[in-house]
C-alpha atoms as a PDB file:
ATOM      1  CA  UNK A   1     -51.016  43.016  -2.665  1.00  0.00           C
ATOM      2  CA  UNK A   2     -50.528  38.973  -0.679  1.00  0.00           C
ATOM      3  CA  UNK A   3     -48.517  36.411  -3.116  1.00  0.00           C
ATOM      4  CA  UNK A   4     -49.153  33.022  -3.003  1.00  0.00           C
ATOM      5  CA  UNK A   5     -48.295  29.446  -4.493  1.00  0.00           C
ATOM      6  CA  UNK A   6     -50.311  26.722  -6.305  1.00  0.00           C
ATOM      7  CA  UNK A   7     -49.105  23.358  -6.828  1.00  0.00           C
ATOM      8  CA  UNK A   8     -50.411  19.759  -7.464  1.00  0.00           C
ATOM      9  CA  UNK A   9     -49.921  17.979  -4.606  1.00  0.00           C
ATOM     10  CA  UNK A  10     -48.615  14.597  -6.135  1.00  0.00           C
ATOM     11  CA  UNK A  11     -47.271  11.289  -4.747  1.00  0.00           C
ATOM     12  CA  UNK A  12     -44.153  12.248  -6.590  1.00  0.00           C
ATOM     13  CA  UNK A  13     -43.250  16.061  -5.609  1.00  0.00           C
ATOM     14  CA  UNK A  14     -42.674  17.899  -2.406  1.00  0.00           C
ATOM     15  CA  UNK A  15     -44.229  17.124  -0.078  1.00  0.00           C
ATOM     16  CA  UNK A  16     -47.105  19.662   1.026  1.00  0.00           C
ATOM     17  CA  UNK A  17     -46.007  20.082   4.248  1.00  0.00           C
ATOM     18  CA  UNK A  18     -42.642  20.898   2.508  1.00  0.00           C
ATOM     19  CA  UNK A  19     -43.903  23.112   0.692  1.00  0.00           C
ATOM     20  CA  UNK A  20     -46.238  25.023   2.867  1.00  0.00           C
ATOM     21  CA  UNK A  21     -43.000  25.263   5.188  1.00  0.00           C
ATOM     22  CA  UNK A  22     -40.788  27.198   2.714  1.00  0.00           C
ATOM     23  CA  UNK A  23     -43.293  29.193   1.146  1.00  0.00           C
ATOM     24  CA  UNK A  24     -43.941  30.797   5.276  1.00  0.00           C
ATOM     25  CA  UNK A  25     -40.322  30.781   5.331  1.00  0.00           C
ATOM     26  CA  UNK A  26     -39.949  33.057   2.125  1.00  0.00           C
ATOM     27  CA  UNK A  27     -43.040  35.511   2.975  1.00  0.00           C
ATOM     28  CA  UNK A  28     -45.951  34.196   0.747  1.00  0.00           C
ATOM     29  CA  UNK A  29     -49.191  34.545   2.229  1.00  0.00           C
ATOM     30  CA  UNK A  30     -50.892  31.249   1.339  1.00  0.00           C
ATOM     31  CA  UNK A  31     -50.200  27.732  -0.525  1.00  0.00           C
ATOM     32  CA  UNK A  32     -52.692  26.226  -2.498  1.00  0.00           C
ATOM     33  CA  UNK A  33     -53.477  22.719  -3.685  1.00  0.00           C
ATOM     34  CA  UNK A  34     -55.927  21.618  -6.134  1.00  0.00           C
ATOM     35  CA  UNK A  35     -58.477  18.447  -5.756  1.00  0.00           C
ATOM     36  CA  UNK A  36     -58.827  15.791  -8.451  1.00  0.00           C
ATOM     37  CA  UNK A  37     -59.873  12.199  -6.409  1.00  0.00           C
ATOM     38  CA  UNK A  38     -59.235  10.248 -10.034  1.00  0.00           C
ATOM     39  CA  UNK A  39     -59.322  10.748 -13.828  1.00  0.00           C
ATOM     40  CA  UNK A  40     -61.145   8.424 -15.477  1.00  0.00           C
ATOM     41  CA  UNK A  41     -59.269   6.210 -18.153  1.00  0.00           C
ATOM     42  CA  UNK A  42     -61.674   6.977 -21.021  1.00  0.00           C
ATOM     43  CA  UNK A  43     -60.647  11.047 -21.556  1.00  0.00           C
ATOM     44  CA  UNK A  44     -63.732  11.810 -22.632  1.00  0.00           C
ATOM     45  CA  UNK A  45     -64.090  15.053 -22.007  1.00  0.00           C
ATOM     46  CA  UNK A  46     -61.217  17.634 -23.361  1.00  0.00           C
ATOM     47  CA  UNK A  47     -58.685  18.998 -20.924  1.00  0.00           C
ATOM     48  CA  UNK A  48     -59.186  23.337 -20.879  1.00  0.00           C
ATOM     49  CA  UNK A  49     -55.496  23.683 -21.048  1.00  0.00           C
ATOM     50  CA  UNK A  50     -54.526  21.878 -24.303  1.00  0.00           C
ATOM     51  CA  UNK A  51     -54.568  18.466 -25.864  1.00  0.00           C
ATOM     52  CA  UNK A  52     -52.664  16.394 -23.139  1.00  0.00           C
ATOM     53  CA  UNK A  53     -53.501  15.941 -19.843  1.00  0.00           C
ATOM     54  CA  UNK A  54     -50.572  15.880 -17.587  1.00  0.00           C
ATOM     55  CA  UNK A  55     -50.200  12.954 -14.818  1.00  0.00           C
ATOM     56  CA  UNK A  56     -50.400  15.284 -11.805  1.00  0.00           C
ATOM     57  CA  UNK A  57     -53.950  15.264 -12.574  1.00  0.00           C
ATOM     58  CA  UNK A  58     -54.345  11.770 -11.551  1.00  0.00           C
ATOM     59  CA  UNK A  59     -51.642  11.711  -9.029  1.00  0.00           C
ATOM     60  CA  UNK A  60     -52.640  13.971  -6.501  1.00  0.00           C
ATOM     61  CA  UNK A  61     -52.938  13.312  -2.886  1.00  0.00           C
ATOM     62  CA  UNK A  62     -56.371  14.037  -0.821  1.00  0.00           C
ATOM     63  CA  UNK A  63     -57.047  17.334  -0.537  1.00  0.00           C
ATOM     64  CA  UNK A  64     -58.020  18.652   2.510  1.00  0.00           C
ATOM     65  CA  UNK A  65     -55.154  15.643   3.850  1.00  0.00           C
ATOM     66  CA  UNK A  66     -52.638  17.801   1.826  1.00  0.00           C
ATOM     67  CA  UNK A  67     -54.101  20.966   3.473  1.00  0.00           C
ATOM     68  CA  UNK A  68     -53.620  19.530   7.244  1.00  0.00           C
ATOM     69  CA  UNK A  69     -50.076  18.531   6.622  1.00  0.00           C
ATOM     70  CA  UNK A  70     -49.587  21.947   5.468  1.00  0.00           C
ATOM     71  CA  UNK A  71     -51.059  23.630   8.490  1.00  0.00           C
ATOM     72  CA  UNK A  72     -49.823  21.043  10.583  1.00  0.00           C
ATOM     73  CA  UNK A  73     -45.723  22.410  10.274  1.00  0.00           C
ATOM     74  CA  UNK A  74     -46.444  26.477   9.891  1.00  0.00           C
ATOM     75  CA  UNK A  75     -47.846  29.135  12.067  1.00  0.00           C
ATOM     76  CA  UNK A  76     -49.213  32.195   9.954  1.00  0.00           C
ATOM     77  CA  UNK A  77     -49.614  30.882   6.203  1.00  0.00           C
ATOM     78  CA  UNK A  78     -52.859  30.361   4.861  1.00  0.00           C
ATOM     79  CA  UNK A  79     -53.815  27.107   3.546  1.00  0.00           C
ATOM     80  CA  UNK A  80     -56.362  26.902   0.402  1.00  0.00           C
ATOM     81  CA  UNK A  81     -58.024  24.832  -1.829  1.00  0.00           C
ATOM     82  CA  UNK A  82     -57.811  25.436  -5.724  1.00  0.00           C
ATOM     83  CA  UNK A  83     -60.168  24.294  -6.311  1.00  0.00           C
ATOM     84  CA  UNK A  84     -62.400  21.982  -4.334  1.00  0.00           C
ATOM     85  CA  UNK A  85     -65.045  20.065  -6.582  1.00  0.00           C
ATOM     86  CA  UNK A  86     -67.941  20.233  -4.236  1.00  0.00           C
ATOM     87  CA  UNK A  87     -70.092  17.912  -6.621  1.00  0.00           C
ATOM     88  CA  UNK A  88     -68.077  15.154  -5.579  1.00  0.00           C
ATOM     89  CA  UNK A  89     -68.403  15.076  -2.267  1.00  0.00           C
ATOM     90  CA  UNK A  90     -71.044  14.680   0.310  1.00  0.00           C
ATOM     91  CA  UNK A  91     -71.914  18.257   2.147  1.00  0.00           C
ATOM     92  CA  UNK A  92     -72.302  16.418   6.094  1.00  0.00           C
ATOM     93  CA  UNK A  93     -69.540  15.363   5.207  1.00  0.00           C
ATOM     94  CA  UNK A  94     -67.359  18.267   3.618  1.00  0.00           C
ATOM     95  CA  UNK A  95     -68.842  20.737   6.165  1.00  0.00           C
ATOM     96  CA  UNK A  96     -67.143  18.699   8.902  1.00  0.00           C
ATOM     97  CA  UNK A  97     -63.708  18.375   6.939  1.00  0.00           C
ATOM     98  CA  UNK A  98     -63.402  22.365   6.002  1.00  0.00           C
ATOM     99  CA  UNK A  99     -64.270  23.328   9.722  1.00  0.00           C
ATOM    100  CA  UNK A 100     -62.052  20.621  11.185  1.00  0.00           C
ATOM    101  CA  UNK A 101     -59.087  21.892   9.326  1.00  0.00           C
ATOM    102  CA  UNK A 102     -60.130  25.405   9.862  1.00  0.00           C
ATOM    103  CA  UNK A 103     -60.417  24.892  14.012  1.00  0.00           C
ATOM    104  CA  UNK A 104     -57.096  22.970  13.791  1.00  0.00           C
ATOM    105  CA  UNK A 105     -54.838  25.791  11.552  1.00  0.00           C
ATOM    106  CA  UNK A 106     -56.752  28.519  13.958  1.00  0.00           C
ATOM    107  CA  UNK A 107     -58.248  29.723  10.733  1.00  0.00           C
ATOM    108  CA  UNK A 108     -56.325  29.676   7.958  1.00  0.00           C
ATOM    109  CA  UNK A 109     -58.320  27.779   5.334  1.00  0.00           C
ATOM    110  CA  UNK A 110     -59.297  29.816   2.218  1.00  0.00           C
ATOM    111  CA  UNK A 111     -61.862  27.799   0.713  1.00  0.00           C
ATOM    112  CA  UNK A 112     -61.753  27.887  -3.019  1.00  0.00           C
ATOM    113  CA  UNK A 113     -64.467  25.920  -4.850  1.00  0.00           C
ATOM    114  CA  UNK A 114     -65.402  25.491  -8.806  1.00  0.00           C
ATOM    115  CA  UNK A 115     -67.792  24.006 -11.191  1.00  0.00           C
ATOM    116  CA  UNK A 116     -64.902  21.618 -12.342  1.00  0.00           C
ATOM    117  CA  UNK A 117     -64.381  20.252 -16.312  1.00  0.00           C
ATOM    118  CA  UNK A 118     -64.110  16.527 -15.955  1.00  0.00           C
ATOM    119  CA  UNK A 119     -68.031  15.029 -16.923  1.00  0.00           C
ATOM    120  CA  UNK A 120     -67.201  12.060 -16.445  1.00  0.00           C
ATOM    121  CA  UNK A 121     -65.198  12.594 -13.263  1.00  0.00           C
ATOM    122  CA  UNK A 122     -68.615  13.183 -11.881  1.00  0.00           C
ATOM    123  CA  UNK A 123     -70.361  10.934 -13.332  1.00  0.00           C
ATOM    124  CA  UNK A 124     -68.831   8.466 -11.091  1.00  0.00           C
ATOM    125  CA  UNK A 125     -69.440  10.418  -7.910  1.00  0.00           C
ATOM    126  CA  UNK A 126     -73.064  10.259  -9.221  1.00  0.00           C
ATOM    127  CA  UNK A 127     -73.409  14.106 -10.161  1.00  0.00           C
ATOM    128  CA  UNK A 128     -74.892  14.864 -13.442  1.00  0.00           C
ATOM    129  CA  UNK A 129     -72.716  17.222 -15.156  1.00  0.00           C
ATOM    130  CA  UNK A 130     -75.193  19.439 -16.405  1.00  0.00           C
ATOM    131  CA  UNK A 131     -76.468  19.929 -13.045  1.00  0.00           C
ATOM    132  CA  UNK A 132     -73.205  20.467 -11.509  1.00  0.00           C
ATOM    133  CA  UNK A 133     -73.653  24.374 -10.477  1.00  0.00           C
ATOM    134  CA  UNK A 134     -77.127  23.800  -9.341  1.00  0.00           C
ATOM    135  CA  UNK A 135     -75.828  20.743  -7.041  1.00  0.00           C
ATOM    136  CA  UNK A 136     -72.694  23.088  -6.105  1.00  0.00           C
ATOM    137  CA  UNK A 137     -74.848  26.089  -4.761  1.00  0.00           C
ATOM    138  CA  UNK A 138     -77.473  23.775  -2.986  1.00  0.00           C
ATOM    139  CA  UNK A 139     -74.005  22.200  -1.353  1.00  0.00           C
ATOM    140  CA  UNK A 140     -72.824  25.388  -0.698  1.00  0.00           C
ATOM    141  CA  UNK A 141     -75.810  26.657   0.981  1.00  0.00           C
ATOM    142  CA  UNK A 142     -76.448  23.240   2.899  1.00  0.00           C
ATOM    143  CA  UNK A 143     -72.755  23.539   4.546  1.00  0.00           C
ATOM    144  CA  UNK A 144     -73.352  27.426   5.586  1.00  0.00           C
ATOM    145  CA  UNK A 145     -76.422  26.315   7.491  1.00  0.00           C
ATOM    146  CA  UNK A 146     -74.365  23.009   9.474  1.00  0.00           C
ATOM    147  CA  UNK A 147     -71.732  25.977  10.004  1.00  0.00           C
ATOM    148  CA  UNK A 148     -73.575  28.427  11.426  1.00  0.00           C
ATOM    149  CA  UNK A 149     -76.962  26.567  12.966  1.00  0.00           C
ATOM    150  CA  UNK A 150     -76.998  24.247  16.075  1.00  0.00           C
ATOM    151  CA  UNK A 151     -79.636  22.677  14.069  1.00  0.00           C
ATOM    152  CA  UNK A 152     -79.061  22.646  10.655  1.00  0.00           C
ATOM    153  CA  UNK A 153     -81.721  21.165   8.258  1.00  0.00           C
ATOM    154  CA  UNK A 154     -81.893  21.846   4.464  1.00  0.00           C
ATOM    155  CA  UNK A 155     -84.403  20.983   1.857  1.00  0.00           C
ATOM    156  CA  UNK A 156     -83.130  20.775  -1.964  1.00  0.00           C
ATOM    157  CA  UNK A 157     -83.610  19.244  -5.351  1.00  0.00           C
ATOM    158  CA  UNK A 158     -80.227  17.282  -4.496  1.00  0.00           C
ATOM    159  CA  UNK A 159     -79.430  18.294  -1.017  1.00  0.00           C
ATOM    160  CA  UNK A 160     -81.918  16.809   1.782  1.00  0.00           C
ATOM    161  CA  UNK A 161     -81.579  16.175   5.437  1.00  0.00           C
ATOM    162  CA  UNK A 162     -83.390  16.923   8.401  1.00  0.00           C
ATOM    163  CA  UNK A 163     -82.439  18.713  11.590  1.00  0.00           C
ATOM    164  CA  UNK A 164     -78.715  17.790  12.375  1.00  0.00           C
ATOM    165  CA  UNK A 165     -76.053  18.320  14.882  1.00  0.00           C
ATOM    166  CA  UNK A 166     -72.769  18.946  13.707  1.00  0.00           C
ATOM    167  CA  UNK A 167     -69.427  20.027  15.121  1.00  0.00           C
ATOM    168  CA  UNK A 168     -66.957  21.269  15.206  1.00  0.00           C
ATOM    169  CA  UNK A 169     -67.885  24.823  13.935  1.00  0.00           C
ATOM    170  CA  UNK A 170     -65.582  26.846  11.882  1.00  0.00           C
ATOM    171  CA  UNK A 171     -62.734  28.904  13.714  1.00  0.00           C
ATOM    172  CA  UNK A 172     -63.546  31.791  11.285  1.00  0.00           C
ATOM    173  CA  UNK A 173     -66.633  33.486  11.379  1.00  0.00           C
ATOM    174  CA  UNK A 174     -69.337  32.944   9.791  1.00  0.00           C
ATOM    175  CA  UNK A 175     -66.972  30.337   7.957  1.00  0.00           C
ATOM    176  CA  UNK A 176     -63.950  30.455   5.951  1.00  0.00           C
ATOM    177  CA  UNK A 177     -63.767  32.761   2.928  1.00  0.00           C
ATOM    178  CA  UNK A 178     -65.533  30.339  -0.374  1.00  0.00           C
ATOM    179  CA  UNK A 179     -63.673  32.127  -3.505  1.00  0.00           C
ATOM    180  CA  UNK A 180     -64.657  30.837  -6.022  1.00  0.00           C
ATOM    181  CA  UNK A 181     -63.095  29.807  -9.940  1.00  0.00           C
ATOM    182  CA  UNK A 182     -65.272  30.911 -12.841  1.00  0.00           C
ATOM    183  CA  UNK A 183     -64.690  32.535 -15.924  1.00  0.00           C
ATOM    184  CA  UNK A 184     -68.444  33.331 -17.193  1.00  0.00           C
ATOM    185  CA  UNK A 185     -71.020  36.211 -16.431  1.00  0.00           C
ATOM    186  CA  UNK A 186     -73.060  33.404 -14.855  1.00  0.00           C
ATOM    187  CA  UNK A 187     -70.197  32.316 -12.561  1.00  0.00           C
ATOM    188  CA  UNK A 188     -69.583  35.891 -11.678  1.00  0.00           C
ATOM    189  CA  UNK A 189     -73.592  35.946 -10.647  1.00  0.00           C
ATOM    190  CA  UNK A 190     -72.569  33.047  -8.532  1.00  0.00           C
ATOM    191  CA  UNK A 191     -69.347  34.949  -6.713  1.00  0.00           C
ATOM    192  CA  UNK A 192     -71.923  37.717  -6.264  1.00  0.00           C
ATOM    193  CA  UNK A 193     -74.781  36.051  -4.972  1.00  0.00           C
ATOM    194  CA  UNK A 194     -73.398  33.168  -2.517  1.00  0.00           C
ATOM    195  CA  UNK A 195     -69.009  33.451  -2.517  1.00  0.00           C
ATOM    196  CA  UNK A 196     -66.894  35.513  -0.651  1.00  0.00           C
ATOM    197  CA  UNK A 197     -64.654  36.019  -3.795  1.00  0.00           C
ATOM    198  CA  UNK A 198     -63.678  35.539  -7.189  1.00  0.00           C
ATOM    199  CA  UNK A 199     -60.660  33.252  -8.756  1.00  0.00           C
ATOM    200  CA  UNK A 200     -59.563  34.294 -12.331  1.00  0.00           C
ATOM    201  CA  UNK A 201     -56.806  32.725 -14.088  1.00  0.00           C
ATOM    202  CA  UNK A 202     -55.158  35.348 -14.935  1.00  0.00           C
ATOM    203  CA  UNK A 203     -54.044  34.351 -18.394  1.00  0.00           C
ATOM    204  CA  UNK A 204     -57.347  33.254 -19.402  1.00  0.00           C
ATOM    205  CA  UNK A 205     -59.007  36.665 -18.517  1.00  0.00           C
ATOM    206  CA  UNK A 206     -58.766  38.902 -21.990  1.00  0.00           C
ATOM    207  CA  UNK A 207     -59.987  42.226 -20.339  1.00  0.00           C
ATOM    208  CA  UNK A 208     -59.572  41.732 -16.411  1.00  0.00           C
ATOM    209  CA  UNK A 209     -60.482  45.321 -15.833  1.00  0.00           C
ATOM    210  CA  UNK A 210     -64.005  44.675 -17.311  1.00  0.00           C
ATOM    211  CA  UNK A 211     -64.488  41.263 -15.817  1.00  0.00           C
ATOM    212  CA  UNK A 212     -63.631  43.015 -12.552  1.00  0.00           C
ATOM    213  CA  UNK A 213     -66.034  46.420 -12.388  1.00  0.00           C
ATOM    214  CA  UNK A 214     -68.327  43.729 -13.867  1.00  0.00           C
ATOM    215  CA  UNK A 215     -68.032  41.977 -10.962  1.00  0.00           C
ATOM    216  CA  UNK A 216     -68.646  44.799  -8.995  1.00  0.00           C
ATOM    217  CA  UNK A 217     -71.622  45.371 -10.654  1.00  0.00           C
ATOM    218  CA  UNK A 218     -73.344  42.258  -9.690  1.00  0.00           C
ATOM    219  CA  UNK A 219     -72.245  42.319  -6.203  1.00  0.00           C
ATOM    220  CA  UNK A 220     -74.769  45.227  -5.734  1.00  0.00           C
ATOM    221  CA  UNK A 221     -77.571  43.659  -7.429  1.00  0.00           C
ATOM    222  CA  UNK A 222     -77.262  41.263  -4.768  1.00  0.00           C
ATOM    223  CA  UNK A 223     -77.626  43.974  -2.101  1.00  0.00           C
ATOM    224  CA  UNK A 224     -73.227  43.594  -1.324  1.00  0.00           C
ATOM    225  CA  UNK A 225     -70.834  45.590  -1.384  1.00  0.00           C
ATOM    226  CA  UNK A 226     -67.852  45.328  -4.007  1.00  0.00           C
ATOM    227  CA  UNK A 227     -65.105  45.166  -1.035  1.00  0.00           C
ATOM    228  CA  UNK A 228     -67.048  42.064  -0.034  1.00  0.00           C
ATOM    229  CA  UNK A 229     -65.592  40.163  -2.785  1.00  0.00           C
ATOM    230  CA  UNK A 230     -61.743  39.631  -2.858  1.00  0.00           C
ATOM    231  CA  UNK A 231     -60.343  38.856  -6.183  1.00  0.00           C
ATOM    232  CA  UNK A 232     -57.141  36.504  -6.099  1.00  0.00           C
ATOM    233  CA  UNK A 233     -55.394  36.134  -9.711  1.00  0.00           C
ATOM    234  CA  UNK A 234     -54.775  32.105 -10.197  1.00  0.00           C
ATOM    235  CA  UNK A 235     -51.561  31.424 -12.764  1.00  0.00           C
ATOM    236  CA  UNK A 236     -50.525  34.892 -11.844  1.00  0.00           C
ATOM    237  CA  UNK A 237     -47.497  36.013 -14.176  1.00  0.00           C
ATOM    238  CA  UNK A 238     -44.360  36.992 -12.210  1.00  0.00           C
ATOM    239  CA  UNK A 239     -43.721  40.124 -13.792  1.00  0.00           C
ATOM    240  CA  UNK A 240     -43.967  42.831 -12.069  1.00  0.00           C
ATOM    241  CA  UNK A 241     -45.007  45.522 -14.060  1.00  0.00           C
ATOM    242  CA  UNK A 242     -48.237  43.317 -14.400  1.00  0.00           C
ATOM    243  CA  UNK A 243     -48.267  42.833 -11.011  1.00  0.00           C
ATOM    244  CA  UNK A 244     -48.722  46.097 -10.189  1.00  0.00           C
ATOM    245  CA  UNK A 245     -51.616  46.568 -12.693  1.00  0.00           C
ATOM    246  CA  UNK A 246     -53.119  43.731 -11.114  1.00  0.00           C
ATOM    247  CA  UNK A 247     -52.878  46.034  -7.679  1.00  0.00           C
ATOM    248  CA  UNK A 248     -53.990  48.978  -9.501  1.00  0.00           C
ATOM    249  CA  UNK A 249     -57.257  46.975 -10.601  1.00  0.00           C
ATOM    250  CA  UNK A 250     -58.079  46.199  -6.902  1.00  0.00           C
ATOM    251  CA  UNK A 251     -56.780  42.584  -6.923  1.00  0.00           C
ATOM    252  CA  UNK A 252     -55.844  41.176  -3.692  1.00  0.00           C
ATOM    253  CA  UNK A 253     -53.864  38.125  -4.043  1.00  0.00           C
ATOM    254  CA  UNK A 254     -51.519  36.818  -6.684  1.00  0.00           C
ATOM    255  CA  UNK A 255     -50.885  33.220  -7.317  1.00  0.00           C
ATOM    256  CA  UNK A 256     -47.979  31.867  -8.795  1.00  0.00           C
ATOM    257  CA  UNK A 257     -47.987  28.214  -9.828  1.00  0.00           C
ATOM    258  CA  UNK A 258     -45.074  25.988  -9.335  1.00  0.00           C
ATOM    259  CA  UNK A 259     -44.623  22.395 -10.947  1.00  0.00           C
ATOM    260  CA  UNK A 260     -45.604  19.312  -9.229  1.00  0.00           C
ATOM    261  CA  UNK A 261     -41.846  18.326  -9.151  1.00  0.00           C
ATOM    262  CA  UNK A 262     -38.982  17.476  -6.202  1.00  0.00           C
ATOM    263  CA  UNK A 263     -38.151  19.910  -3.640  1.00  0.00           C
ATOM    264  CA  UNK A 264     -34.635  20.387  -5.936  1.00  0.00           C
ATOM    265  CA  UNK A 265     -36.530  21.844  -8.380  1.00  0.00           C
ATOM    266  CA  UNK A 266     -39.313  23.770  -6.836  1.00  0.00           C
ATOM    267  CA  UNK A 267     -37.156  25.414  -4.034  1.00  0.00           C
ATOM    268  CA  UNK A 268     -34.955  27.505  -6.415  1.00  0.00           C
ATOM    269  CA  UNK A 269     -38.520  28.370  -8.399  1.00  0.00           C
ATOM    270  CA  UNK A 270     -40.241  30.092  -4.997  1.00  0.00           C
ATOM    271  CA  UNK A 271     -36.974  31.759  -4.396  1.00  0.00           C
ATOM    272  CA  UNK A 272     -37.362  33.334  -7.588  1.00  0.00           C
ATOM    273  CA  UNK A 273     -41.061  34.689  -7.120  1.00  0.00           C
ATOM    274  CA  UNK A 274     -40.195  35.516  -3.307  1.00  0.00           C
ATOM    275  CA  UNK A 275     -37.795  38.381  -4.842  1.00  0.00           C
ATOM    276  CA  UNK A 276     -41.227  39.946  -6.212  1.00  0.00           C
ATOM    277  CA  UNK A 277     -42.908  40.229  -2.759  1.00  0.00           C
ATOM    278  CA  UNK A 278     -40.715  43.249  -1.670  1.00  0.00           C
ATOM    279  CA  UNK A 279     -41.201  44.972  -5.079  1.00  0.00           C
ATOM    280  CA  UNK A 280     -45.217  45.156  -4.949  1.00  0.00           C
ATOM    281  CA  UNK A 281     -46.864  46.236  -1.885  1.00  0.00           C
END
C-alpha cells in the first residue's frame, strides 16, 4: 500500500515545500492540497463536515502554486490536488496549469477533482451549482483533447472552442491520473466513465467493500478493466488493523490528514504516521 498526506496549505501553516520535503524524507508516496479560491461571507451553503467551517477554507494558497512549490524541492514524492474544483476554472488555462506542473515535476502530478459543495462559491465563478457535474465533465473532456491532440477543439453546452494549439503536453501519457472524489452511485458512474480512480473519504463510507465492488461492476459496464480504477482512501484512520482491511479490499493508497498548523505541530504527527508505513505493505 502507498501512503500520502493531505493538508490545507494556508498562509499560517507549514509551507507547501516544507511539508512536501518532510513527507518525502519520511517515506510517504504523495502529498495533497485542497482548493478553495475563496469562501463567500454569506455562508449560505452548509459545510458537510459540521456546523462551523474551519478558517483554513478561506486561507488556502493557490493550488497549483502550492503543488509546484512542493515539486520543486523534492525528487520522488507525487503531488496531488485533493481536490481541484474544475468547475471554477477556465479549461484551456487549467489544462496548461496541469500539464506544466506535470512536466516540471517529471510526471509526479495526481489530478484529484470533485463536484464541490459550496454553491455560492461556484456561483461567484459563473457556475450554476445544479449543473456542476455536466460542466465538470465537459471541462475534463476538453482538457483531455488539449492534452492529447496537436489541434484540439471541443464543442459542448458549456465549453466551446475551435481548433487550438496548446503546449506543453503532460509528461505522463496520455495525461496525469484523474481521480474523482464522490460518494453517490452517480459519482461512481462518473469515475468509471471518464476518470482513472476514485477518492472516497474513508470514514464517510459506511460500506467501503460494497462501494468498491459497485465501482468494479460499473467499470465493466463502460468497457473498462476494474484494475484501471485505483482507489485512494482520503482521511484514512491511522489504525494498522483498518489499513490492513483497506489493503485486502484492494485500496491502492491511504491518505492521512494533518492539521493546517505550524511546522512544530505538524512534523511530530508525520513522524507518528510514518511508523505505519513499514507495517502495512
